[in-house]
Amino acid sequence: MCAVSPAGDRIYVIKHGYEKVITMATDGTLISTFMDPELQEPMGVHVTPSGQVLVCGYSSNTVIQVDCEGRKKLATLVPSKDGVLNPVSVCYNTKTDQIIVGLSDNSIIKVMELQKKHP
């Protein structure tokens, strides 16, 4: 599974069964390899129009945000305690600021509000 950055200069690759997100340049040059305990068996990857990289952790039951370089986790957008079981796909709705998560085992789609941070 893969996704491409809005500028078309990066490709984000995941493979079910491997615990990493690989970021490459379009010429195939490796930019980074990302691993995190909250990302077990990555399944779905999505890049928003603003370049945010969202990745589902199938076994960890999470959705995390990774920086555009693919080097570090910026946030856990959907923690396992939110009742997400085996997420396989993720998409961000820019009009409603919602994350749409597809779940494997029960054919459910969850629509979740992003938590807004106030100063």
Protein backbone atom coordinates (compact mmCIF):
# COMPACT_ATOMS: atom_id res chain seq x y z
CA MET A 1 0.00 0.00 0.00
CA CYS A 2 1.25 3.48 -0.72
CA ALA A 3 0.32 7.16 -0.85
CA VAL A 4 1.92 10.14 -2.56
CA SER A 5 2.57 13.60 -1.10
CA PRO A 6 0.53 16.50 -2.54
CA ALA A 7 3.64 17.88 -4.26
CA GLY A 8 4.36 14.45 -5.73
CA ASP A 9 7.90 14.38 -4.34
CA ARG A 10 7.46 11.65 -1.70
CA ILE A 11 5.98 8.17 -1.66
CA TYR A 12 4.91 6.56 1.62
CA VAL A 13 4.94 2.76 1.55
CA ILE A 14 3.60 0.27 4.08
CA LYS A 15 3.36 -3.50 3.95
CA HIS A 16 1.04 -5.51 6.15
CA GLY A 17 3.04 -7.64 8.54
CA TYR A 18 5.96 -5.20 8.70
CA GLU A 19 6.11 -2.65 11.49
CA LYS A 20 7.27 0.36 9.49
CA VAL A 21 6.46 3.21 7.16
CA ILE A 22 9.01 3.76 4.41
CA THR A 23 9.35 7.21 2.86
CA MET A 24 11.00 7.44 -0.54
CA ALA A 25 11.70 10.10 -3.10
CA THR A 26 10.04 9.56 -6.47
CA ASP A 27 13.35 8.33 -7.89
CA GLY A 28 13.32 5.49 -5.32
CA THR A 29 15.85 7.03 -2.93
CA LEU A 30 15.13 6.06 0.67
CA ILE A 31 14.36 9.13 2.80
CA SER A 32 13.44 7.40 6.06
CA THR A 33 12.06 4.36 7.80
CA PHE A 34 9.63 4.96 10.68
CA MET A 35 8.72 2.53 13.46
CA ASP A 36 6.65 3.09 16.62
CA PRO A 37 5.09 0.81 19.27
CA GLU A 38 1.67 2.36 18.50
CA LEU A 39 1.95 1.26 14.89
CA GLN A 40 1.63 -2.51 14.81
CA GLU A 41 0.95 -4.03 11.39
CA PRO A 42 0.32 -0.84 9.40
CA MET A 43 -2.51 -1.36 6.92
CA GLY A 44 -3.80 1.92 5.52
CA VAL A 45 -1.95 5.11 4.63
CA HIS A 46 -3.37 8.44 3.52
CA VAL A 47 -1.81 11.83 2.81
CA THR A 48 -4.03 14.86 3.29
CA PRO A 49 -3.96 17.81 0.88
CA SER A 50 -1.83 19.70 3.45
CA GLY A 51 0.72 16.85 3.53
CA GLN A 52 -0.23 15.16 6.81
CA VAL A 53 0.55 11.44 6.72
CA LEU A 54 -2.05 9.23 8.45
CA VAL A 55 -1.38 5.55 9.08
CA CYS A 56 -3.61 2.79 10.52
CA GLY A 57 -2.13 0.29 12.94
CA TYR A 58 -4.15 -2.89 12.33
CA SER A 59 -3.00 -4.83 15.43
CA SER A 60 -2.46 -1.78 17.64
CA ASN A 61 -5.98 -0.49 16.82
CA THR A 62 -4.70 3.04 16.28
CA VAL A 63 -4.40 5.79 13.69
CA ILE A 64 -1.30 7.93 13.97
CA GLN A 65 0.04 11.01 12.22
CA VAL A 66 3.63 10.97 10.98
CA ASP A 67 5.61 14.02 9.85
CA CYS A 68 6.00 14.55 6.10
CA GLU A 69 9.63 13.34 6.23
CA GLY A 70 8.42 10.07 7.74
CA ARG A 71 10.84 10.40 10.65
CA LYS A 72 8.64 10.90 13.73
CA LYS A 73 5.14 10.53 15.11
CA LEU A 74 3.33 13.84 15.52
CA ALA A 75 0.18 12.52 17.18
CA THR A 76 -2.00 9.54 17.93
CA LEU A 77 -5.23 10.67 16.28
CA VAL A 78 -7.26 7.58 17.17
CA PRO A 79 -5.97 5.75 20.25
CA SER A 80 -6.88 2.11 20.84
CA LYS A 81 -9.18 3.12 23.71
CA ASP A 82 -11.56 4.77 21.20
CA GLY A 83 -13.06 1.44 20.18
CA VAL A 84 -11.40 1.16 16.80
CA LEU A 85 -10.80 -2.51 16.07
CA ASN A 86 -8.45 -3.55 13.24
CA PRO A 87 -8.41 -0.35 11.13
CA VAL A 88 -7.48 -0.96 7.50
CA SER A 89 -8.14 2.38 5.80
CA VAL A 90 -8.12 6.04 6.75
CA CYS A 91 -9.11 9.25 5.05
CA TYR A 92 -9.32 12.86 6.19
CA ASN A 93 -12.32 15.03 5.27
CA THR A 94 -10.97 18.57 4.92
CA LYS A 95 -14.43 20.14 4.87
CA THR A 96 -15.54 18.69 8.21
CA ASP A 97 -12.17 18.07 9.95
CA GLN A 98 -13.13 14.44 10.44
CA ILE A 99 -11.14 11.26 10.13
CA ILE A 100 -12.92 8.39 8.40
CA VAL A 101 -11.63 4.97 9.43
CA GLY A 102 -12.56 1.67 7.81
CA LEU A 103 -12.48 -1.38 10.10
CA SER A 104 -11.71 -4.89 8.88
CA ASP A 105 -13.41 -7.38 11.11
CA ASN A 106 -16.89 -5.92 11.26
CA SER A 107 -17.22 -3.93 8.01
CA ILE A 108 -17.84 -0.70 9.93
CA ILE A 109 -16.77 2.80 8.97
CA LYS A 110 -16.15 5.17 11.88
CA VAL A 111 -16.29 8.91 11.45
CA MET A 112 -14.36 10.69 14.18
CA GLU A 113 -13.98 14.35 15.04
CA LEU A 114 -10.46 15.67 15.45
CA GLN A 115 -9.73 17.09 18.85
CA LYS A 116 -9.07 20.81 18.48
CA LYS A 117 -6.27 22.20 20.59
CA HIS A 118 -7.01 25.57 22.14
CA PRO A 119 -4.24 27.87 23.40
